Amino acid sequence: MRTLPLCRIHDVPMRILEAVESVNETRKRAMARKVSISFAGVLRGKTVAVLGLTFKPNTDDVREAPSIPLITALQDMGAKVRVYDPAGMEQARQVLTDVTYCRGPYDCVEEADAVVIVTEWEQFRALDMERLRDLMACPVVVDLRNIYPAEDMKKHRFAYTSVGRASTHQPIGIYTPLGQAESLTPALSGAGTTAP
């Protein structure tokens, strides 16, 4: 017995479903651009730590998870990707290649140029921000779940980007060519300076 596609059962034209899927994919890839903005659009050679692989907390399911197209887009931009998820690592290994699987969140962020929070696990809400910043090569956090207050991240001196909120200040030298940071110090040293 042949089954009908859901679009036929519910009388939805296939082109509408394809358009929705295309928009969703574009939105997921736009997440990678949020990371690249902190580095003037250049991620080649940068290391990005991705915290959270599953589509929601308390599951190991990575099907339809936004982490997959995000990681693919980061790799397409030339970034090296390190990942950690409390439950989804084994499932992710079946679909993700050329990533470094880490033992924990602090292991994942060590020497990373940026960290991206994709899944709102409770474990990620309780990270020690001072330790996180000290481990990272560059204090850039892209929070796709808005789990941290922007003011707290500013207090901990992170360049912080979330969804639908203003970014915090941009630390000196994140994307400024070597040698030019000194001449820009007065313009960038204010705590209220926002990222371009």
N, C-alpha and C. Protein backbone atom coordinates (compact mmCIF):
# COMPACT_ATOMS: atom_id res chain seq x y z
N MET A 1 0.83 -1.18 0.00
CA MET A 1 0.00 0.00 0.00
C MET A 1 0.88 1.25 0.00
N ARG A 2 0.63 2.17 -0.91
CA ARG A 2 1.43 3.37 -1.04
C ARG A 2 0.89 4.44 -0.10
N THR A 3 1.78 5.09 0.66
CA THR A 3 1.33 6.16 1.55
C THR A 3 1.47 7.50 0.85
N LEU A 4 0.57 8.40 1.15
CA LEU A 4 0.60 9.73 0.57
C LEU A 4 1.45 10.66 1.42
N PRO A 5 2.18 11.59 0.81
CA PRO A 5 2.92 12.57 1.59
C PRO A 5 1.95 13.42 2.41
N LEU A 6 2.43 13.92 3.55
CA LEU A 6 1.59 14.74 4.42
C LEU A 6 1.00 15.95 3.70
N CYS A 7 1.76 16.52 2.76
CA CYS A 7 1.26 17.70 2.07
C CYS A 7 0.01 17.36 1.25
N ARG A 8 -0.06 16.12 0.73
CA ARG A 8 -1.25 15.72 -0.04
C ARG A 8 -2.42 15.42 0.90
N ILE A 9 -2.12 14.79 2.04
CA ILE A 9 -3.18 14.45 2.99
C ILE A 9 -3.84 15.72 3.52
N HIS A 10 -3.03 16.74 3.80
CA HIS A 10 -3.56 17.97 4.38
C HIS A 10 -3.82 19.05 3.33
N ASP A 11 -3.71 18.68 2.08
CA ASP A 11 -3.99 19.58 0.97
C ASP A 11 -3.15 20.86 1.01
N VAL A 12 -1.84 20.68 1.29
CA VAL A 12 -0.90 21.79 1.28
C VAL A 12 -0.02 21.64 0.05
N PRO A 13 0.05 22.67 -0.79
CA PRO A 13 0.91 22.55 -1.98
C PRO A 13 2.37 22.29 -1.59
N MET A 14 3.03 21.40 -2.33
CA MET A 14 4.41 21.02 -2.04
C MET A 14 5.33 22.23 -2.08
N ARG A 15 5.08 23.18 -2.96
CA ARG A 15 5.95 24.34 -3.08
C ARG A 15 5.96 25.18 -1.80
N ILE A 16 4.84 25.18 -1.06
CA ILE A 16 4.78 25.92 0.20
C ILE A 16 5.66 25.23 1.24
N LEU A 17 5.58 23.89 1.29
CA LEU A 17 6.42 23.16 2.23
C LEU A 17 7.90 23.33 1.90
N GLU A 18 8.23 23.32 0.62
CA GLU A 18 9.61 23.52 0.21
C GLU A 18 10.09 24.91 0.57
N ALA A 19 9.22 25.91 0.42
CA ALA A 19 9.57 27.28 0.78
C ALA A 19 9.80 27.41 2.28
N VAL A 20 8.96 26.78 3.07
CA VAL A 20 9.11 26.82 4.53
C VAL A 20 10.43 26.17 4.93
N GLU A 21 10.73 25.02 4.32
CA GLU A 21 11.97 24.32 4.62
C GLU A 21 13.18 25.18 4.25
N SER A 22 13.10 25.86 3.12
CA SER A 22 14.18 26.72 2.67
C SER A 22 14.39 27.88 3.64
N VAL A 23 13.30 28.49 4.11
CA VAL A 23 13.39 29.59 5.08
C VAL A 23 14.01 29.11 6.38
N ASN A 24 13.58 27.94 6.85
CA ASN A 24 14.14 27.38 8.09
C ASN A 24 15.63 27.13 7.96
N GLU A 25 16.04 26.59 6.82
CA GLU A 25 17.46 26.31 6.60
C GLU A 25 18.26 27.61 6.56
N THR A 26 17.71 28.63 5.91
CA THR A 26 18.37 29.93 5.83
C THR A 26 18.53 30.54 7.22
N ARG A 27 17.48 30.41 8.05
CA ARG A 27 17.55 30.95 9.41
C ARG A 27 18.63 30.25 10.22
N LYS A 28 18.72 28.93 10.05
CA LYS A 28 19.73 28.18 10.80
C LYS A 28 21.14 28.60 10.37
N ARG A 29 21.34 28.78 9.07
CA ARG A 29 22.66 29.19 8.58
C ARG A 29 22.97 30.63 8.99
N ALA A 30 21.93 31.45 9.16
CA ALA A 30 22.13 32.83 9.62
C ALA A 30 22.76 32.85 11.01
N MET A 31 22.57 31.78 11.78
CA MET A 31 23.18 31.70 13.10
C MET A 31 24.70 31.72 12.98
N ALA A 32 25.23 31.08 11.96
CA ALA A 32 26.67 31.06 11.76
C ALA A 32 27.18 32.47 11.44
N ARG A 33 26.38 33.24 10.73
CA ARG A 33 26.78 34.62 10.43
C ARG A 33 26.86 35.46 11.70
N LYS A 34 26.02 35.15 12.70
CA LYS A 34 26.10 35.86 13.98
C LYS A 34 27.49 35.67 14.59
N VAL A 35 28.07 34.50 14.40
CA VAL A 35 29.42 34.24 14.92
C VAL A 35 30.44 35.01 14.09
N SER A 36 30.32 34.94 12.78
CA SER A 36 31.33 35.55 11.92
C SER A 36 31.38 37.07 12.04
N ILE A 37 30.27 37.70 12.42
CA ILE A 37 30.24 39.16 12.57
C ILE A 37 31.27 39.62 13.60
N SER A 38 31.49 38.83 14.64
CA SER A 38 32.48 39.20 15.66
C SER A 38 33.89 39.21 15.12
N PHE A 39 34.10 38.60 13.97
CA PHE A 39 35.43 38.52 13.38
C PHE A 39 35.45 39.14 11.99
N ALA A 40 34.66 40.19 11.81
CA ALA A 40 34.60 40.92 10.53
C ALA A 40 34.27 39.97 9.38
N GLY A 41 33.48 38.95 9.65
CA GLY A 41 33.04 38.03 8.61
C GLY A 41 34.03 36.94 8.26
N VAL A 42 35.18 36.90 8.95
CA VAL A 42 36.22 35.92 8.61
C VAL A 42 36.36 34.90 9.73
N LEU A 43 35.97 33.66 9.46
CA LEU A 43 36.11 32.59 10.45
C LEU A 43 37.21 31.59 10.09
N ARG A 44 37.83 31.76 8.92
CA ARG A 44 38.86 30.82 8.51
C ARG A 44 39.97 30.75 9.57
N GLY A 45 40.24 29.55 10.05
CA GLY A 45 41.28 29.36 11.05
C GLY A 45 40.84 29.60 12.48
N LYS A 46 39.61 30.07 12.69
CA LYS A 46 39.11 30.29 14.04
C LYS A 46 38.56 28.99 14.60
N THR A 47 38.59 28.87 15.92
CA THR A 47 38.01 27.71 16.59
C THR A 47 36.73 28.14 17.28
N VAL A 48 35.64 27.43 16.96
CA VAL A 48 34.34 27.75 17.54
C VAL A 48 33.88 26.56 18.38
N ALA A 49 33.53 26.84 19.63
CA ALA A 49 33.00 25.82 20.53
C ALA A 49 31.48 25.88 20.48
N VAL A 50 30.84 24.75 20.22
CA VAL A 50 29.38 24.67 20.17
C VAL A 50 28.91 23.88 21.38
N LEU A 51 28.12 24.54 22.23
CA LEU A 51 27.56 23.89 23.41
C LEU A 51 26.10 23.56 23.14
N GLY A 52 25.81 22.28 23.06
CA GLY A 52 24.45 21.82 22.79
C GLY A 52 24.28 21.35 21.36
N LEU A 53 23.96 20.08 21.21
CA LEU A 53 23.77 19.49 19.89
C LEU A 53 22.33 19.03 19.66
N THR A 54 21.62 18.72 20.73
CA THR A 54 20.26 18.21 20.60
C THR A 54 19.27 19.34 20.33
N PHE A 55 18.10 18.99 19.79
CA PHE A 55 17.14 20.04 19.43
C PHE A 55 16.46 20.65 20.65
N LYS A 56 16.53 19.97 21.80
CA LYS A 56 16.03 20.53 23.06
C LYS A 56 16.76 19.82 24.20
N PRO A 57 16.73 20.41 25.41
CA PRO A 57 17.42 19.74 26.53
C PRO A 57 16.73 18.45 26.94
N ASN A 58 17.45 17.65 27.69
CA ASN A 58 16.94 16.39 28.27
C ASN A 58 16.51 15.37 27.22
N THR A 59 17.23 15.34 26.12
CA THR A 59 17.02 14.32 25.09
C THR A 59 18.36 14.08 24.40
N ASP A 60 18.47 12.95 23.70
CA ASP A 60 19.68 12.71 22.90
C ASP A 60 19.39 12.87 21.40
N ASP A 61 18.22 13.38 21.07
CA ASP A 61 17.76 13.47 19.69
C ASP A 61 18.36 14.69 18.98
N VAL A 62 19.10 14.44 17.91
CA VAL A 62 19.68 15.54 17.13
C VAL A 62 18.95 15.76 15.80
N ARG A 63 17.90 14.96 15.55
CA ARG A 63 17.14 15.16 14.30
C ARG A 63 16.52 16.55 14.31
N GLU A 64 16.64 17.26 13.22
CA GLU A 64 16.10 18.62 13.08
C GLU A 64 16.74 19.61 14.05
N ALA A 65 17.83 19.25 14.69
CA ALA A 65 18.48 20.17 15.62
C ALA A 65 19.17 21.29 14.85
N PRO A 66 19.05 22.54 15.32
CA PRO A 66 19.70 23.65 14.62
C PRO A 66 21.22 23.56 14.67
N SER A 67 21.77 22.76 15.58
CA SER A 67 23.22 22.63 15.67
C SER A 67 23.83 22.06 14.39
N ILE A 68 23.13 21.18 13.72
CA ILE A 68 23.71 20.50 12.55
C ILE A 68 23.97 21.48 11.40
N PRO A 69 22.96 22.23 10.91
CA PRO A 69 23.27 23.20 9.85
C PRO A 69 24.19 24.33 10.33
N LEU A 70 24.12 24.68 11.61
CA LEU A 70 25.02 25.70 12.15
C LEU A 70 26.46 25.24 12.01
N ILE A 71 26.74 24.02 12.47
CA ILE A 71 28.10 23.49 12.41
C ILE A 71 28.58 23.36 10.97
N THR A 72 27.70 22.88 10.11
CA THR A 72 28.05 22.76 8.69
C THR A 72 28.42 24.13 8.11
N ALA A 73 27.63 25.15 8.45
CA ALA A 73 27.90 26.51 7.95
C ALA A 73 29.21 27.04 8.51
N LEU A 74 29.48 26.79 9.78
CA LEU A 74 30.74 27.24 10.38
C LEU A 74 31.93 26.57 9.67
N GLN A 75 31.78 25.28 9.39
CA GLN A 75 32.85 24.58 8.68
C GLN A 75 33.02 25.12 7.26
N ASP A 76 31.90 25.42 6.59
CA ASP A 76 31.97 26.00 5.25
C ASP A 76 32.71 27.33 5.26
N MET A 77 32.62 28.06 6.39
CA MET A 77 33.31 29.35 6.52
C MET A 77 34.77 29.19 6.94
N GLY A 78 35.20 27.94 7.13
CA GLY A 78 36.60 27.68 7.44
C GLY A 78 36.92 27.54 8.91
N ALA A 79 35.91 27.51 9.77
CA ALA A 79 36.15 27.38 11.21
C ALA A 79 36.41 25.93 11.59
N LYS A 80 37.22 25.76 12.64
CA LYS A 80 37.40 24.46 13.28
C LYS A 80 36.35 24.41 14.39
N VAL A 81 35.64 23.29 14.51
CA VAL A 81 34.52 23.22 15.45
C VAL A 81 34.77 22.17 16.51
N ARG A 82 34.57 22.58 17.76
CA ARG A 82 34.61 21.69 18.92
C ARG A 82 33.19 21.63 19.47
N VAL A 83 32.74 20.47 19.92
CA VAL A 83 31.34 20.34 20.37
C VAL A 83 31.25 19.60 21.69
N TYR A 84 30.19 19.94 22.43
CA TYR A 84 29.84 19.19 23.63
C TYR A 84 28.34 19.25 23.84
N ASP A 85 27.77 18.11 24.24
CA ASP A 85 26.36 18.00 24.62
C ASP A 85 26.28 16.95 25.72
N PRO A 86 25.51 17.21 26.78
CA PRO A 86 25.42 16.23 27.87
C PRO A 86 24.85 14.87 27.46
N ALA A 87 24.02 14.82 26.41
CA ALA A 87 23.38 13.54 26.05
C ALA A 87 23.45 13.19 24.57
N GLY A 88 23.71 14.14 23.70
CA GLY A 88 23.58 13.89 22.26
C GLY A 88 24.84 13.57 21.50
N MET A 89 25.94 13.29 22.17
CA MET A 89 27.20 13.09 21.47
C MET A 89 27.19 11.87 20.54
N GLU A 90 26.67 10.75 21.02
CA GLU A 90 26.69 9.54 20.19
C GLU A 90 25.81 9.70 18.96
N GLN A 91 24.63 10.30 19.13
CA GLN A 91 23.76 10.54 17.98
C GLN A 91 24.42 11.50 16.99
N ALA A 92 25.09 12.52 17.51
CA ALA A 92 25.73 13.51 16.65
C ALA A 92 26.86 12.89 15.82
N ARG A 93 27.56 11.93 16.39
CA ARG A 93 28.67 11.29 15.65
C ARG A 93 28.20 10.65 14.35
N GLN A 94 26.92 10.30 14.29
CA GLN A 94 26.39 9.67 13.08
C GLN A 94 26.17 10.67 11.95
N VAL A 95 26.08 11.97 12.29
CA VAL A 95 25.78 12.97 11.25
C VAL A 95 26.83 14.06 11.10
N LEU A 96 27.72 14.19 12.09
CA LEU A 96 28.73 15.26 12.04
C LEU A 96 30.12 14.67 11.89
N THR A 97 30.86 15.22 10.94
CA THR A 97 32.25 14.79 10.75
C THR A 97 33.15 16.01 10.89
N ASP A 98 34.42 15.73 11.05
CA ASP A 98 35.44 16.79 11.15
C ASP A 98 35.18 17.76 12.28
N VAL A 99 34.63 17.27 13.40
CA VAL A 99 34.50 18.09 14.60
C VAL A 99 35.24 17.39 15.73
N THR A 100 35.62 18.14 16.74
CA THR A 100 36.27 17.58 17.92
C THR A 100 35.22 17.42 19.00
N TYR A 101 35.01 16.18 19.45
CA TYR A 101 34.04 15.89 20.50
C TYR A 101 34.76 16.02 21.85
N CYS A 102 34.18 16.81 22.75
CA CYS A 102 34.84 17.13 24.01
C CYS A 102 34.14 16.47 25.19
N ARG A 103 34.87 16.38 26.31
CA ARG A 103 34.36 15.68 27.49
C ARG A 103 33.43 16.52 28.35
N GLY A 104 33.49 17.82 28.20
CA GLY A 104 32.66 18.70 29.02
C GLY A 104 32.69 20.11 28.46
N PRO A 105 31.90 21.02 29.02
CA PRO A 105 31.83 22.37 28.47
C PRO A 105 33.15 23.13 28.57
N TYR A 106 33.87 22.97 29.67
CA TYR A 106 35.12 23.72 29.82
C TYR A 106 36.20 23.17 28.91
N ASP A 107 36.22 21.85 28.72
CA ASP A 107 37.12 21.24 27.76
C ASP A 107 36.81 21.76 26.35
N CYS A 108 35.53 21.92 26.05
CA CYS A 108 35.09 22.37 24.73
C CYS A 108 35.53 23.81 24.43
N VAL A 109 35.45 24.69 25.43
CA VAL A 109 35.74 26.10 25.18
C VAL A 109 37.22 26.44 25.26
N GLU A 110 38.04 25.50 25.72
CA GLU A 110 39.47 25.81 25.89
C GLU A 110 40.11 26.23 24.57
N GLU A 111 40.71 27.41 24.59
CA GLU A 111 41.39 28.02 23.43
C GLU A 111 40.44 28.32 22.26
N ALA A 112 39.14 28.34 22.51
CA ALA A 112 38.18 28.68 21.44
C ALA A 112 38.16 30.20 21.24
N ASP A 113 37.95 30.59 20.00
CA ASP A 113 37.82 32.02 19.68
C ASP A 113 36.39 32.49 19.94
N ALA A 114 35.44 31.58 19.92
CA ALA A 114 34.04 31.93 20.19
C ALA A 114 33.33 30.69 20.70
N VAL A 115 32.30 30.93 21.52
CA VAL A 115 31.45 29.84 21.97
C VAL A 115 30.02 30.15 21.56
N VAL A 116 29.31 29.13 21.08
CA VAL A 116 27.92 29.29 20.66
C VAL A 116 27.07 28.37 21.51
N ILE A 117 26.08 28.94 22.20
CA ILE A 117 25.16 28.14 23.01
C ILE A 117 23.93 27.85 22.16
N VAL A 118 23.71 26.57 21.87
CA VAL A 118 22.64 26.18 20.95
C VAL A 118 21.46 25.54 21.69
N THR A 119 21.75 24.78 22.74
CA THR A 119 20.68 24.08 23.48
C THR A 119 20.69 24.57 24.92
N GLU A 120 19.52 24.82 25.47
CA GLU A 120 19.43 25.42 26.81
C GLU A 120 19.47 24.39 27.93
N TRP A 121 20.52 23.59 27.96
CA TRP A 121 20.73 22.65 29.06
C TRP A 121 20.97 23.43 30.35
N GLU A 122 20.46 22.92 31.47
CA GLU A 122 20.68 23.56 32.78
C GLU A 122 22.17 23.70 33.08
N GLN A 123 22.94 22.71 32.65
CA GLN A 123 24.39 22.73 32.87
C GLN A 123 25.02 23.97 32.26
N PHE A 124 24.50 24.44 31.12
CA PHE A 124 25.07 25.62 30.47
C PHE A 124 24.64 26.91 31.15
N ARG A 125 23.51 26.88 31.85
CA ARG A 125 23.04 28.05 32.59
C ARG A 125 23.91 28.31 33.82
N ALA A 126 24.62 27.29 34.26
CA ALA A 126 25.38 27.39 35.51
C ALA A 126 26.89 27.47 35.28
N LEU A 127 27.32 27.86 34.09
CA LEU A 127 28.75 27.93 33.80
C LEU A 127 29.41 29.04 34.63
N ASP A 128 30.64 28.79 35.03
CA ASP A 128 31.45 29.78 35.73
C ASP A 128 32.03 30.71 34.66
N MET A 129 31.50 31.93 34.60
CA MET A 129 31.88 32.85 33.53
C MET A 129 33.34 33.28 33.59
N GLU A 130 33.88 33.44 34.80
CA GLU A 130 35.29 33.82 34.91
C GLU A 130 36.18 32.70 34.35
N ARG A 131 35.86 31.48 34.72
CA ARG A 131 36.63 30.33 34.24
C ARG A 131 36.49 30.21 32.72
N LEU A 132 35.27 30.40 32.22
CA LEU A 132 35.01 30.32 30.79
C LEU A 132 35.89 31.33 30.03
N ARG A 133 35.86 32.59 30.49
CA ARG A 133 36.63 33.63 29.81
C ARG A 133 38.13 33.34 29.87
N ASP A 134 38.60 32.85 31.03
CA ASP A 134 40.03 32.57 31.16
C ASP A 134 40.48 31.43 30.25
N LEU A 135 39.60 30.49 29.97
CA LEU A 135 39.96 29.35 29.11
C LEU A 135 39.96 29.71 27.63
N MET A 136 39.15 30.68 27.25
CA MET A 136 38.97 31.00 25.84
C MET A 136 40.13 31.84 25.28
N ALA A 137 40.40 31.67 24.00
CA ALA A 137 41.39 32.50 23.33
C ALA A 137 40.84 33.91 23.12
N CYS A 138 39.55 34.01 22.95
CA CYS A 138 38.88 35.28 22.67
C CYS A 138 37.52 35.25 23.38
N PRO A 139 37.14 36.29 24.11
CA PRO A 139 35.91 36.23 24.90
C PRO A 139 34.64 36.57 24.10
N VAL A 140 34.30 35.73 23.16
CA VAL A 140 33.12 35.95 22.33
C VAL A 140 32.09 34.86 22.62
N VAL A 141 30.87 35.26 23.00
CA VAL A 141 29.79 34.31 23.26
C VAL A 141 28.59 34.67 22.39
N VAL A 142 28.10 33.70 21.63
CA VAL A 142 26.88 33.86 20.86
C VAL A 142 25.84 32.95 21.50
N ASP A 143 24.85 33.56 22.11
CA ASP A 143 23.85 32.84 22.89
C ASP A 143 22.55 32.77 22.08
N LEU A 144 22.32 31.66 21.43
CA LEU A 144 21.15 31.52 20.56
C LEU A 144 19.88 31.19 21.34
N ARG A 145 19.99 31.03 22.66
CA ARG A 145 18.83 30.73 23.51
C ARG A 145 18.56 31.81 24.55
N ASN A 146 19.36 32.88 24.53
CA ASN A 146 19.18 33.99 25.48
C ASN A 146 19.13 33.50 26.92
N ILE A 147 20.04 32.60 27.28
CA ILE A 147 20.01 32.07 28.64
C ILE A 147 20.74 32.97 29.63
N TYR A 148 21.54 33.93 29.13
CA TYR A 148 22.25 34.83 30.02
C TYR A 148 21.77 36.27 29.85
N PRO A 149 21.67 37.01 30.95
CA PRO A 149 21.35 38.44 30.85
C PRO A 149 22.54 39.17 30.21
N ALA A 150 22.26 40.04 29.26
CA ALA A 150 23.32 40.78 28.56
C ALA A 150 24.18 41.57 29.53
N GLU A 151 23.59 42.15 30.56
CA GLU A 151 24.35 42.95 31.53
C GLU A 151 25.37 42.10 32.28
N ASP A 152 24.99 40.85 32.61
CA ASP A 152 25.94 39.97 33.29
C ASP A 152 27.13 39.66 32.39
N MET A 153 26.86 39.44 31.11
CA MET A 153 27.93 39.12 30.18
C MET A 153 28.85 40.32 29.98
N LYS A 154 28.27 41.49 29.98
CA LYS A 154 29.06 42.72 29.86
C LYS A 154 29.95 42.88 31.09
N LYS A 155 29.40 42.59 32.27
CA LYS A 155 30.16 42.67 33.52
C LYS A 155 31.35 41.72 33.50
N HIS A 156 31.18 40.56 32.87
CA HIS A 156 32.26 39.57 32.77
C HIS A 156 33.18 39.83 31.57
N ARG A 157 32.97 40.95 30.88
CA ARG A 157 33.82 41.41 29.78
C ARG A 157 33.80 40.47 28.57
N PHE A 158 32.61 39.95 28.24
CA PHE A 158 32.44 39.17 27.02
C PHE A 158 31.89 40.05 25.91
N ALA A 159 32.29 39.78 24.69
CA ALA A 159 31.55 40.28 23.53
C ALA A 159 30.39 39.31 23.39
N TYR A 160 29.20 39.79 23.64
CA TYR A 160 28.04 38.90 23.77
C TYR A 160 26.98 39.25 22.75
N THR A 161 26.56 38.24 22.00
CA THR A 161 25.49 38.39 21.03
C THR A 161 24.41 37.39 21.36
N SER A 162 23.17 37.86 21.38
CA SER A 162 22.04 36.97 21.63
C SER A 162 21.02 37.19 20.52
N VAL A 163 19.81 36.73 20.72
CA VAL A 163 18.78 36.85 19.69
C VAL A 163 17.79 37.94 20.08
N GLY A 164 17.65 38.95 19.22
CA GLY A 164 16.66 40.00 19.45
C GLY A 164 17.05 41.03 20.49
N ARG A 165 18.32 41.02 20.93
CA ARG A 165 18.79 42.00 21.91
C ARG A 165 20.08 42.63 21.39
N ALA A 166 20.39 43.81 21.88
CA ALA A 166 21.62 44.49 21.46
C ALA A 166 22.84 43.72 21.95
N SER A 167 23.89 43.73 21.15
CA SER A 167 25.14 43.10 21.54
C SER A 167 25.85 43.97 22.57
N THR A 168 26.70 43.35 23.40
CA THR A 168 27.50 44.12 24.35
C THR A 168 28.75 44.63 23.64
N HIS A 169 29.59 45.32 24.38
CA HIS A 169 30.78 45.92 23.79
C HIS A 169 31.67 44.89 23.12
N GLN A 170 32.48 45.35 22.21
CA GLN A 170 33.41 44.50 21.47
C GLN A 170 34.80 44.67 22.07
N PRO A 171 35.39 43.63 22.68
CA PRO A 171 36.75 43.79 23.23
C PRO A 171 37.75 44.16 22.14
N ILE A 172 38.76 44.89 22.55
CA ILE A 172 39.80 45.33 21.61
C ILE A 172 40.53 44.14 21.02
N GLY A 173 40.81 44.21 19.73
CA GLY A 173 41.68 43.24 19.09
C GLY A 173 41.01 41.97 18.64
N ILE A 174 39.70 41.82 18.79
CA ILE A 174 39.05 40.59 18.35
C ILE A 174 39.15 40.46 16.84
N TYR A 175 38.84 41.54 16.14
CA TYR A 175 38.91 41.44 14.69
C TYR A 175 39.74 42.56 14.09
N THR A 176 40.39 43.37 14.92
CA THR A 176 41.23 44.45 14.43
C THR A 176 42.57 43.86 14.00
N PRO A 177 43.06 44.21 12.79
CA PRO A 177 44.36 43.70 12.37
C PRO A 177 45.45 44.09 13.37
N LEU A 178 46.40 43.19 13.57
CA LEU A 178 47.49 43.41 14.50
C LEU A 178 48.17 44.73 14.20
N GLY A 179 48.49 45.51 15.20
CA GLY A 179 49.16 46.79 14.99
C GLY A 179 48.20 47.95 14.91
N GLN A 180 46.93 47.70 14.59
CA GLN A 180 45.96 48.78 14.50
C GLN A 180 45.18 48.93 15.78
N ALA A 181 45.22 47.94 16.66
CA ALA A 181 44.43 47.98 17.89
C ALA A 181 44.82 49.16 18.76
N GLU A 182 46.16 49.48 18.81
CA GLU A 182 46.61 50.57 19.66
C GLU A 182 46.00 51.90 19.24
N SER A 183 45.92 52.14 17.92
CA SER A 183 45.38 53.41 17.45
C SER A 183 43.88 53.52 17.66
N LEU A 184 43.21 52.36 17.86
CA LEU A 184 41.76 52.38 18.05
C LEU A 184 41.37 52.30 19.52
N THR A 185 42.37 52.19 20.40
CA THR A 185 42.06 51.99 21.82
C THR A 185 41.10 53.01 22.39
N PRO A 186 41.27 54.33 22.17
CA PRO A 186 40.32 55.28 22.76
C PRO A 186 38.88 55.04 22.31
N ALA A 187 38.71 54.67 21.04
CA ALA A 187 37.35 54.49 20.50
C ALA A 187 36.69 53.23 21.02
N LEU A 188 37.49 52.21 21.35
CA LEU A 188 36.91 50.93 21.72
C LEU A 188 36.95 50.63 23.20
N SER A 189 37.62 51.46 23.99
CA SER A 189 37.82 51.11 25.39
C SER A 189 36.60 51.35 26.26
N GLY A 190 35.63 52.12 25.81
CA GLY A 190 34.44 52.39 26.62
C GLY A 190 33.58 51.18 26.78
N ALA A 191 33.06 50.97 27.98
CA ALA A 191 32.24 49.78 28.25
C ALA A 191 30.94 49.82 27.47
N GLY A 192 30.48 50.99 27.07
CA GLY A 192 29.20 51.08 26.37
C GLY A 192 29.31 50.95 24.88
N THR A 193 30.53 50.78 24.34
CA THR A 193 30.70 50.69 22.90
C THR A 193 30.03 49.43 22.41
N THR A 194 29.26 49.52 21.36
CA THR A 194 28.58 48.34 20.83
C THR A 194 29.33 47.80 19.65
N ALA A 195 29.15 46.51 19.40
CA ALA A 195 29.80 45.86 18.25
C ALA A 195 29.19 46.37 16.99
N PRO A 196 30.00 46.51 15.90
CA PRO A 196 29.44 46.98 14.62
C PRO A 196 28.49 45.98 14.05
